[in-house]
Protein backbone atom coordinates (compact mmCIF):
# COMPACT_ATOMS: atom_id res chain seq x y z
CA MET A 1 142.75 -130.48 -131.88
CA ARG A 2 140.03 -133.06 -132.54
CA THR A 3 137.71 -134.74 -130.08
CA GLU A 4 137.33 -138.53 -129.96
CA LYS A 5 135.01 -140.63 -127.86
CA ASP A 6 135.25 -144.15 -126.46
CA SER A 7 133.28 -146.12 -123.85
CA MET A 8 134.97 -144.14 -121.06
CA GLY A 9 134.27 -140.67 -122.36
CA GLU A 10 135.80 -137.99 -124.59
CA ARG A 11 139.40 -136.79 -125.06
CA GLN A 12 141.13 -134.32 -127.31
CA LEU A 13 144.02 -135.29 -129.60
CA PRO A 14 146.25 -133.20 -131.88
CA ASP A 15 144.91 -133.18 -135.44
CA GLU A 16 148.18 -134.54 -136.84
CA THR A 17 148.14 -137.80 -134.86
CA TYR A 18 146.91 -140.92 -136.59
CA TYR A 19 146.46 -142.83 -133.37
CA GLY A 20 143.28 -142.29 -131.42
CA ILE A 21 141.75 -142.07 -127.98
CA GLN A 22 142.55 -145.61 -126.80
CA THR A 23 146.20 -145.20 -127.74
CA LEU A 24 146.28 -141.87 -125.91
CA ARG A 25 144.98 -143.53 -122.75
CA ALA A 26 147.64 -146.24 -123.06
CA THR A 27 150.48 -143.72 -123.37
CA GLU A 28 149.25 -142.06 -120.17
CA ASN A 29 148.88 -145.36 -118.32
CA PHE A 30 152.20 -146.92 -119.32
CA PRO A 31 155.14 -144.47 -119.19
CA ILE A 32 157.32 -147.41 -118.20
CA SER A 33 160.43 -148.06 -120.29
CA GLY A 34 160.45 -145.71 -123.26
CA LEU A 35 160.69 -148.84 -125.45
CA LYS A 36 158.34 -148.71 -128.42
CA PRO A 37 157.15 -151.69 -130.50
CA LEU A 38 159.78 -153.26 -132.73
CA SER A 39 159.45 -152.40 -136.42
CA THR A 40 159.16 -156.08 -137.34
CA TYR A 41 156.33 -156.53 -134.84
CA VAL A 42 154.50 -153.53 -136.33
CA ASP A 43 154.97 -155.07 -139.79
CA ALA A 44 153.49 -158.35 -138.54
CA CYS A 45 150.41 -156.65 -137.07
CA VAL A 46 149.86 -154.51 -140.16
CA LEU A 47 150.23 -157.53 -142.47
CA ILE A 48 147.49 -159.25 -140.46
CA LYS A 49 145.25 -156.18 -140.86
CA LYS A 50 145.95 -156.09 -144.59
CA ALA A 51 145.10 -159.78 -144.96
CA THR A 52 141.95 -159.58 -142.85
CA ALA A 53 140.70 -156.48 -144.68
CA ARG A 54 141.16 -158.24 -148.00
CA VAL A 55 139.41 -161.40 -146.85
CA ASN A 56 136.56 -159.60 -145.09
CA GLY A 57 136.05 -157.54 -148.25
CA GLU A 58 136.00 -160.67 -150.41
CA LEU A 59 133.51 -162.36 -148.11
CA GLY A 60 131.21 -159.34 -147.97
CA CYS A 61 131.78 -158.74 -144.25
CA ILE A 62 132.85 -155.13 -144.78
CA PRO A 63 132.20 -152.84 -147.79
CA THR A 64 134.67 -153.21 -150.64
CA ASP A 65 135.63 -149.53 -150.65
CA ILE A 66 136.40 -149.71 -146.92
CA SER A 67 138.45 -152.87 -147.45
CA GLN A 68 140.48 -151.20 -150.21
CA VAL A 69 141.42 -148.08 -148.24
CA ILE A 70 142.42 -150.17 -145.19
CA ILE A 71 144.70 -152.19 -147.48
CA GLN A 72 146.14 -148.98 -148.96
CA ALA A 73 146.80 -147.56 -145.48
CA ALA A 74 148.46 -150.82 -144.47
CA ASP A 75 150.69 -150.69 -147.55
CA GLU A 76 151.78 -147.17 -146.67
CA VAL A 77 152.83 -148.30 -143.19
CA LEU A 78 154.66 -151.31 -144.62
CA GLN A 79 156.55 -148.92 -146.91
CA GLY A 80 157.79 -147.01 -143.84
CA ASN A 81 155.20 -144.27 -143.40
CA TRP A 82 153.60 -143.17 -140.11
CA ARG A 83 156.04 -145.25 -138.06
CA ASP A 84 156.22 -142.59 -135.35
CA GLN A 85 152.54 -143.20 -134.64
CA PHE A 86 153.11 -146.58 -132.97
CA VAL A 87 153.78 -145.29 -129.50
CA VAL A 88 152.60 -147.69 -126.80
CA ASP A 89 155.27 -148.86 -124.36
CA VAL A 90 156.39 -152.50 -124.55
CA TYR A 91 155.18 -152.99 -120.96
CA GLN A 92 151.47 -152.37 -121.32
CA ALA A 93 147.97 -153.77 -120.93
CA GLY A 94 147.85 -157.55 -120.77
CA ALA A 95 147.49 -159.52 -124.00
CA GLY A 96 148.54 -156.48 -126.06
CA THR A 97 145.17 -154.71 -126.39
CA SER A 98 146.80 -151.26 -126.24
CA HIS A 99 149.24 -151.94 -129.09
CA HIS A 100 146.52 -153.71 -131.05
CA MET A 101 144.21 -150.69 -130.81
CA ASN A 102 147.14 -148.42 -131.71
CA VAL A 103 147.44 -150.34 -134.99
CA ASN A 104 143.67 -150.31 -135.57
CA GLU A 105 143.43 -146.56 -134.95
CA VAL A 106 146.38 -145.58 -137.16
CA LEU A 107 145.03 -147.62 -140.08
CA ALA A 108 141.48 -146.37 -139.56
CA ASN A 109 142.46 -142.70 -139.44
CA ARG A 110 144.74 -142.93 -142.46
CA ALA A 111 142.01 -144.83 -144.34
CA LEU A 112 139.53 -142.09 -143.46
CA GLU A 113 141.90 -139.53 -145.00
CA LEU A 114 142.12 -141.63 -148.16
CA LEU A 115 138.33 -141.58 -148.34
CA GLY A 116 138.42 -137.79 -148.09
CA GLY A 117 137.15 -137.79 -144.51
CA GLU A 118 138.46 -136.50 -141.21
CA LYS A 119 140.48 -138.35 -138.61
CA GLY A 120 138.30 -139.51 -135.74
CA ASP A 121 135.11 -139.70 -137.85
CA TYR A 122 134.61 -143.31 -136.88
CA ALA A 123 130.94 -143.43 -137.90
CA ARG A 124 132.16 -143.89 -141.47
CA LEU A 125 135.12 -146.17 -140.84
CA SER A 126 135.84 -147.56 -137.39
CA PRO A 127 139.00 -149.04 -135.84
CA ASN A 128 136.83 -151.66 -134.13
CA ASP A 129 134.00 -152.31 -136.58
CA HIS A 130 136.00 -152.31 -139.81
CA VAL A 131 139.79 -152.60 -139.31
CA ASN A 132 139.21 -155.14 -136.54
CA TYR A 133 136.20 -156.92 -138.02
CA GLY A 134 136.08 -160.59 -136.96
CA GLN A 135 139.19 -160.20 -134.84
CA SER A 136 140.23 -159.97 -131.23
CA THR A 137 143.46 -159.04 -129.49
CA ASN A 138 143.37 -162.62 -128.26
CA ASP A 139 143.89 -164.15 -131.71
CA VAL A 140 145.66 -161.27 -133.47
CA ILE A 141 148.57 -160.88 -131.04
CA PRO A 142 149.67 -164.56 -130.88
CA THR A 143 149.44 -164.58 -134.68
CA ALA A 144 151.53 -161.39 -134.85
CA ILE A 145 154.20 -163.00 -132.67
CA ARG A 146 154.30 -165.92 -135.11
CA ILE A 147 154.48 -163.70 -138.19
CA GLY A 148 156.99 -161.36 -136.55
CA GLY A 149 159.19 -164.28 -135.55
CA LEU A 150 159.16 -165.72 -139.07
CA LEU A 151 159.91 -162.31 -140.61
CA ALA A 152 162.80 -161.68 -138.22
CA LEU A 153 164.29 -165.11 -138.88
CA GLU A 154 164.12 -164.69 -142.66
CA ARG A 155 165.30 -161.09 -142.70
CA SER A 156 168.02 -161.24 -140.07
CA LEU A 157 169.09 -164.44 -138.37
CA TYR A 158 169.11 -166.98 -141.19
CA PRO A 159 171.25 -164.84 -143.56
CA SER A 160 173.62 -163.85 -140.75
CA LEU A 161 174.09 -167.45 -139.63
CA ALA A 162 174.74 -168.53 -143.23
CA GLY A 163 177.30 -165.75 -143.63
CA ALA A 164 179.14 -166.70 -140.44
CA ILE A 165 179.21 -170.37 -141.43
CA ALA A 166 180.60 -169.59 -144.89
CA THR A 167 183.28 -167.28 -143.45
CA LEU A 168 184.41 -169.89 -140.92
CA ASP A 169 184.54 -172.54 -143.65
CA ASN A 170 186.78 -170.23 -145.69
CA LYS A 171 189.07 -169.71 -142.69
CA ALA A 172 189.16 -173.46 -142.16
CA ARG A 173 190.44 -174.02 -145.69
CA GLU A 174 192.92 -171.13 -145.43
CA TYR A 175 194.50 -172.37 -142.20
CA GLN A 176 193.99 -176.13 -142.53
CA ASP A 177 197.73 -176.90 -142.31
CA VAL A 178 198.49 -174.75 -139.26
CA VAL A 179 198.99 -176.91 -136.16
CA ARG A 180 198.40 -175.48 -132.70
CA SER A 181 198.35 -176.93 -129.21
CA GLY A 182 194.96 -178.13 -128.10
CA ARG A 183 193.95 -177.21 -124.56
CA THR A 184 191.70 -178.96 -122.08
CA HIS A 185 191.10 -177.55 -118.57
CA LEU A 186 193.11 -174.61 -119.99
CA GLN A 187 196.17 -176.88 -119.83
CA ASP A 188 198.31 -178.25 -122.67
CA ALA A 189 196.61 -180.95 -124.72
CA VAL A 190 197.39 -182.86 -127.91
CA PRO A 191 197.92 -180.85 -131.13
CA VAL A 192 195.00 -179.87 -133.34
CA ARG A 193 194.66 -178.04 -136.65
CA MET A 194 193.64 -174.39 -136.58
CA GLY A 195 191.58 -175.14 -139.67
CA GLU A 196 189.63 -177.77 -137.74
CA THR A 197 189.02 -175.27 -134.95
CA PHE A 198 187.26 -173.00 -137.44
CA ARG A 199 185.50 -175.94 -139.08
CA ALA A 200 184.17 -177.09 -135.72
CA TRP A 201 182.71 -173.65 -135.08
CA ALA A 202 181.12 -173.67 -138.56
CA GLN A 203 179.56 -177.06 -137.85
CA ILE A 204 178.22 -175.91 -134.49
CA LEU A 205 176.51 -172.92 -136.12
CA ALA A 206 175.18 -175.08 -138.97
CA ASP A 207 173.64 -177.45 -136.43
CA HIS A 208 172.00 -174.52 -134.63
CA LEU A 209 170.56 -173.26 -137.92
CA VAL A 210 168.83 -176.62 -138.40
CA ARG A 211 167.53 -176.61 -134.82
CA ILE A 212 166.09 -173.11 -135.16
CA GLU A 213 164.49 -173.89 -138.53
CA THR A 214 162.88 -176.97 -137.01
CA ALA A 215 161.56 -175.05 -134.00
CA ALA A 216 160.24 -172.30 -136.28
CA GLN A 217 157.84 -174.77 -137.91
CA ASP A 218 155.71 -174.29 -134.78
CA LEU A 219 155.15 -170.68 -135.85
CA THR A 220 153.32 -171.64 -139.05
CA LEU A 221 150.09 -172.82 -137.37
CA LEU A 222 147.79 -169.85 -136.81
CA GLY A 223 145.03 -169.33 -134.29
CA LEU A 224 143.74 -166.33 -136.27
CA GLY A 225 140.00 -166.70 -136.66
CA GLY A 226 139.49 -167.89 -133.12
CA SER A 227 138.23 -164.42 -132.19
CA ALA A 228 137.90 -163.80 -128.43
CA ALA A 229 138.16 -167.31 -126.99
CA GLY A 230 138.80 -169.73 -129.84
CA THR A 231 135.21 -170.29 -130.92
CA GLY A 232 135.35 -168.04 -133.97
CA LEU A 233 132.53 -165.82 -132.73
CA ASN A 234 131.61 -163.06 -135.24
CA THR A 235 133.71 -164.53 -138.04
CA HIS A 236 132.69 -165.86 -141.47
CA PRO A 237 132.94 -169.69 -141.73
CA ARG A 238 135.57 -169.42 -144.51
CA TYR A 239 137.48 -166.54 -142.92
CA ARG A 240 140.17 -168.41 -140.97
CA PHE A 241 141.16 -170.61 -143.91
CA ARG A 242 141.22 -167.79 -146.42
CA VAL A 243 143.17 -165.40 -144.17
CA ALA A 244 145.87 -168.06 -143.65
CA GLU A 245 146.18 -168.36 -147.44
CA VAL A 246 146.47 -164.59 -147.91
CA LEU A 247 149.04 -164.21 -145.12
CA SER A 248 151.07 -167.03 -146.73
CA GLU A 249 151.16 -165.01 -149.95
CA LEU A 250 152.06 -161.78 -148.17
CA ILE A 251 155.07 -163.17 -146.30
CA ASP A 252 155.99 -165.81 -148.91
CA HIS A 253 155.93 -168.58 -146.32
CA PRO A 254 153.48 -171.50 -146.02
CA LEU A 255 151.00 -170.99 -143.17
CA GLN A 256 147.86 -172.84 -142.17
CA THR A 257 145.10 -172.56 -139.66
CA ALA A 258 145.73 -174.54 -136.47
CA PRO A 259 143.75 -177.74 -135.94
CA HIS A 260 142.33 -176.33 -132.68
CA LEU A 261 142.07 -172.55 -132.47
CA MET A 262 141.59 -172.45 -128.71
CA ALA A 263 144.81 -174.40 -128.18
CA ALA A 264 146.75 -172.17 -130.59
CA MET A 265 145.55 -169.06 -128.75
CA GLN A 266 146.22 -170.31 -125.22
CA SER A 267 149.56 -172.09 -125.47
CA MET A 268 152.78 -170.12 -125.73
CA ALA A 269 154.75 -173.34 -126.31
CA PRO A 270 155.75 -172.45 -129.91
CA PHE A 271 157.42 -169.26 -128.67
CA VAL A 272 159.13 -171.06 -125.79
CA ASN A 273 160.40 -173.64 -128.27
CA VAL A 274 161.89 -171.06 -130.63
CA SER A 275 163.29 -169.05 -127.72
CA GLY A 276 164.94 -172.19 -126.37
CA ALA A 277 166.62 -172.79 -129.73
CA LEU A 278 167.85 -169.18 -129.69
CA ARG A 279 169.17 -169.59 -126.13
CA ASN A 280 170.99 -172.73 -127.24
CA LEU A 281 172.64 -170.80 -130.08
CA ALA A 282 173.50 -167.96 -127.68
CA GLN A 283 175.25 -170.35 -125.31
CA ASP A 284 177.51 -171.78 -128.00
CA LEU A 285 178.06 -168.37 -129.59
CA ALA A 286 179.11 -166.95 -126.22
CA LYS A 287 181.56 -169.82 -125.77
CA MET A 288 182.94 -169.14 -129.25
CA SER A 289 183.39 -165.45 -128.48
CA HIS A 290 185.23 -166.35 -125.27
CA ASP A 291 187.54 -168.65 -127.27
CA LEU A 292 188.25 -165.88 -129.77
CA ARG A 293 189.23 -163.56 -126.93
CA LEU A 294 191.53 -166.18 -125.36
CA LEU A 295 193.24 -167.04 -128.64
CA ASP A 296 193.69 -163.32 -129.38
CA SER A 297 194.97 -162.47 -125.89
CA GLY A 298 198.30 -160.68 -125.66
CA PRO A 299 199.99 -159.44 -127.70
CA ASN A 300 203.08 -160.34 -125.64
CA THR A 301 201.69 -161.93 -122.49
CA GLY A 302 198.82 -164.02 -123.84
CA PHE A 303 198.13 -166.77 -126.40
CA LYS A 304 198.11 -164.52 -129.49
CA GLU A 305 197.59 -167.49 -131.80
CA LEU A 306 195.22 -165.41 -133.87
CA GLN A 307 194.67 -161.72 -134.49
CA LEU A 308 191.20 -160.23 -134.67
CA PRO A 309 191.18 -157.06 -136.77
CA PRO A 310 191.59 -153.88 -134.69
CA VAL A 311 188.47 -151.78 -135.24
CA GLN A 312 188.88 -149.01 -132.66
CA PRO A 313 191.37 -147.79 -130.03
CA GLY A 314 191.14 -149.94 -126.91
CA SER A 315 192.10 -147.61 -124.13
CA SER A 316 191.71 -144.00 -123.07
CA ILE A 317 195.11 -144.11 -121.33
CA MET A 318 197.25 -146.87 -122.91
CA PRO A 319 198.41 -145.84 -126.41
CA GLY A 320 198.43 -148.49 -129.12
CA LYS A 321 196.10 -150.85 -127.26
CA TYR A 322 193.43 -152.75 -129.20
CA ASN A 323 190.75 -154.94 -127.69
CA PRO A 324 188.64 -157.81 -129.12
CA VAL A 325 185.56 -155.60 -128.97
CA MET A 326 183.45 -157.53 -131.48
CA ALA A 327 183.83 -160.70 -129.43
CA GLU A 328 183.09 -158.79 -126.22
CA MET A 329 179.91 -157.33 -127.71
CA THR A 330 178.87 -160.81 -128.85
CA SER A 331 179.07 -162.19 -125.32
CA MET A 332 176.93 -159.36 -123.96
CA VAL A 333 174.23 -159.96 -126.55
CA CYS A 334 174.25 -163.68 -125.82
CA PHE A 335 173.74 -163.03 -122.11
CA GLN A 336 170.80 -160.74 -122.93
CA VAL A 337 169.19 -163.41 -125.13
CA MET A 338 169.53 -165.97 -122.34
CA GLY A 339 167.82 -163.51 -120.00
CA TYR A 340 165.02 -162.90 -122.50
CA ASP A 341 164.50 -166.66 -122.74
CA THR A 342 164.05 -166.93 -118.98
CA ALA A 343 161.48 -164.12 -119.05
CA ILE A 344 159.63 -165.82 -121.92
CA ALA A 345 159.47 -169.08 -119.97
CA PHE A 346 157.99 -167.33 -116.93
CA ALA A 347 155.52 -165.38 -119.07
CA ALA A 348 154.41 -168.46 -120.99
CA GLN A 349 153.22 -170.27 -117.88
CA ALA A 350 151.46 -167.20 -116.49
CA GLY A 351 148.32 -167.42 -118.61
CA GLN A 352 144.95 -168.28 -117.11
CA LEU A 353 142.08 -170.14 -118.74
CA GLU A 354 141.41 -168.82 -122.28
CA LEU A 355 144.15 -166.18 -122.44
CA ASN A 356 147.79 -165.47 -121.69
CA VAL A 357 148.01 -161.81 -120.71
CA MET A 358 151.81 -161.74 -120.82
CA MET A 359 152.00 -161.79 -124.64
CA PRO A 360 153.44 -158.25 -125.04
CA LEU A 361 156.54 -159.34 -123.12
CA ILE A 362 156.85 -162.55 -125.14
CA ALA A 363 156.44 -160.65 -128.41
CA PHE A 364 159.17 -158.12 -127.64
CA ASN A 365 161.64 -160.59 -126.14
CA LEU A 366 161.31 -163.23 -128.86
CA ILE A 367 161.53 -160.93 -131.87
CA HIS A 368 164.23 -158.81 -130.23
CA SER A 369 166.28 -161.94 -129.48
CA ILE A 370 166.13 -163.03 -133.11
CA GLU A 371 167.15 -159.61 -134.39
CA LEU A 372 169.86 -159.13 -131.76
CA LEU A 373 171.47 -162.44 -132.70
CA GLY A 374 171.15 -161.70 -136.41
CA ASN A 375 172.69 -158.23 -136.11
CA THR A 376 175.43 -159.55 -133.82
CA LEU A 377 176.42 -162.43 -136.10
CA ASN A 378 176.49 -160.06 -139.05
CA ALA A 379 178.70 -157.54 -137.23
CA LEU A 380 181.00 -160.24 -135.80
CA THR A 381 181.43 -161.76 -139.25
CA LEU A 382 182.04 -158.52 -141.14
CA ARG A 383 184.25 -156.80 -138.54
CA GLY A 384 185.79 -159.79 -136.82
CA LEU A 385 185.88 -163.16 -138.54
CA LYS A 386 186.51 -162.03 -142.12
CA GLY A 387 189.63 -160.05 -141.22
CA LEU A 388 190.94 -162.60 -138.72
CA THR A 389 194.51 -163.83 -139.25
CA VAL A 390 196.40 -166.71 -137.66
CA GLN A 391 199.88 -166.34 -136.14
CA SER A 392 201.29 -169.56 -137.62
CA ASP A 393 204.75 -169.40 -136.03
CA ARG A 394 203.32 -168.91 -132.56
CA CYS A 395 200.88 -171.78 -133.06
CA THR A 396 203.66 -174.09 -134.15
CA ALA A 397 205.92 -173.10 -131.26
CA TYR A 398 203.19 -173.82 -128.71
CA ALA A 399 202.33 -177.12 -130.37
CA GLU A 400 205.93 -178.31 -130.36
CA SER A 401 206.48 -177.35 -126.74
CA SER A 402 203.30 -178.94 -125.40
CA LEU A 403 203.88 -181.63 -122.81
CA ALA A 404 200.73 -183.31 -124.05
CA LEU A 405 202.72 -184.64 -127.01
CA VAL A 406 203.81 -187.33 -124.62
CA THR A 407 200.37 -188.87 -125.15
CA ALA A 408 201.52 -190.14 -128.54
CA LEU A 409 204.36 -192.02 -126.81
CA ASN A 410 202.02 -194.16 -124.64
CA PRO A 411 201.65 -197.07 -127.11
CA HIS A 412 205.42 -197.17 -127.65
CA ILE A 413 207.02 -196.67 -124.22
CA GLY A 414 204.08 -197.22 -121.84
CA TYR A 415 202.10 -194.82 -119.66
CA LEU A 416 204.48 -194.79 -116.68
CA ASN A 417 207.57 -194.16 -118.81
CA ALA A 418 205.70 -191.43 -120.69
CA ALA A 419 204.67 -189.80 -117.40
CA ALA A 420 208.28 -189.87 -116.19
CA VAL A 421 209.46 -188.28 -119.43
CA ALA A 422 206.86 -185.52 -119.09
CA LYS A 423 207.83 -184.86 -115.47
CA GLU A 424 211.52 -184.61 -116.32
CA SER A 425 210.79 -182.30 -119.24
CA LEU A 426 208.85 -180.00 -116.99
CA GLU A 427 211.56 -179.97 -114.32
CA THR A 428 214.60 -179.63 -116.61
CA GLY A 429 213.28 -177.74 -119.59
CA LYS A 430 214.55 -180.44 -121.95
CA THR A 431 212.29 -181.41 -124.84
CA LEU A 432 210.42 -184.70 -124.84
CA ARG A 433 212.41 -185.73 -127.87
CA GLN A 434 215.71 -185.13 -126.06
CA ILE A 435 214.76 -187.15 -123.01
CA VAL A 436 213.36 -190.13 -124.95
CA LEU A 437 216.53 -190.36 -127.02
CA GLU A 438 218.80 -189.93 -123.97
CA LYS A 439 217.02 -192.76 -122.17
CA GLY A 440 217.13 -194.94 -125.29
CA LEU A 441 213.39 -195.54 -125.14
CA MET A 442 212.97 -195.20 -128.92
CA SER A 443 215.10 -194.80 -132.04
CA GLU A 444 215.39 -191.35 -133.60
CA GLU A 445 213.59 -192.50 -136.77
CA ALA A 446 210.71 -194.08 -134.87
CA LEU A 447 210.40 -191.05 -132.59
CA ALA A 448 210.22 -188.68 -135.58
CA GLN A 449 207.29 -190.63 -136.96
CA VAL A 450 205.44 -190.72 -133.64
CA LEU A 451 205.94 -187.00 -132.91
CA ASP A 452 204.88 -185.88 -136.41
CA LEU A 453 202.59 -182.94 -135.56
CA ALA A 454 200.82 -182.96 -138.91
CA LYS A 455 199.97 -186.64 -138.60
CA MET A 456 198.95 -186.32 -134.94
CA SER A 457 196.54 -183.49 -135.67
CA ALA A 458 194.95 -184.90 -138.83
CA MET A 459 191.19 -185.39 -138.67
CA PRO A 460 189.41 -188.37 -140.21
CA GLY A 461 187.78 -187.61 -143.55
CA LYS A 462 188.75 -185.10 -146.22
CA PRO A 463 190.31 -181.86 -144.88
CA SER A 464 188.37 -179.84 -147.46
CA GLU A 465 184.96 -181.05 -146.32
CA ASN A 466 182.61 -178.10 -145.79
CA ALA A 467 180.91 -178.09 -142.39
CA SER A 468 177.88 -176.26 -143.74
CA GLN A 469 177.06 -179.07 -146.16
CA PRO A 470 174.58 -181.70 -144.95
């Protein structure tokens, strides 16, 4: 065991731990959920520490040898080492001080080892005086949320959205000529192309990608350098500009210091904006997953116009049963993201004066939402959409039997006659075509042209247009 000291006294820690006394106190204070910080959030915090150590070393604010070992320790964490040392519960001290000190202590103790020293020997290299030089929880954590959000979008959600869009476009081309019955109010409607159903979904996702990318621009303005309250106390005059440049290099994304550091530190509006765009995607994605389940319902007593690939047995008692589990999982994730968005909105308005103390909740919910949606879209695409097949014969049979085909007769026989034909068809079981010919309302040749399913379901523009193209 080793002994560490803080402003509240002394505590003993196991020699092998890289975190220190303040982290230990936090683990004792917050045994709340068992949820630990997300890996992407840890990356974001450590990237900030790497950038600030480099800049503070360049500017002469900390010794060069100290700067170098902090950077080396940060690189080791970014490569996957010491991950079990980030242990503070998601629900913790306001503003994120506990997690922030967890990061500072891990990097300081590993840096001390690299210098040939002992963990806890903070007289030589301190979590506060060196790793955290010129920084405060109040400017580091909102910056970490920004960096974590951008990392999660680039690593997870953007590629997964692009993959889903491309897969749906491919399905649209494959099934462009299959006609099915449209449905409104869950009742028969005019015929549509199955290909256009997929193309519409691709376009919806492409539009959401643009919305999210636009909202994410808010994450590129950093309040880092504002220190405790936005005034930049204890920072070098060039620090905030230089650290934004270094962070831009580290994450390969353009960043800049915010025009007003106090505003960037106080307002959670950028996170609410991105979360709202994620909620918007979740709402449409949930609707899409519900549609997939409806169209796959059956096999004998439902729509069964398409077949999602069976990926696991669907029942512990009914042999041979398969369920649309990827679509079901998607809906659950979407509901969770909507719930996270509500929590973010409440947390964002709960700040007072120079600080919002609800940032740990915002950090977890926002980054988790991005990664949940990315993982979900990836799984749905790989194990659902790519192997999806369309039951063409069933689609055609439904389309031909739809009473809504009578809509095409309106310009030729009038609304009232068309309504009477539909009513008789429903009562007698005769087809619309039979009844129109029996009543002499149209010639057989003219009726064939009007009730041409392919022509009725054709969309304006080229059928091969790709929804993901601007």
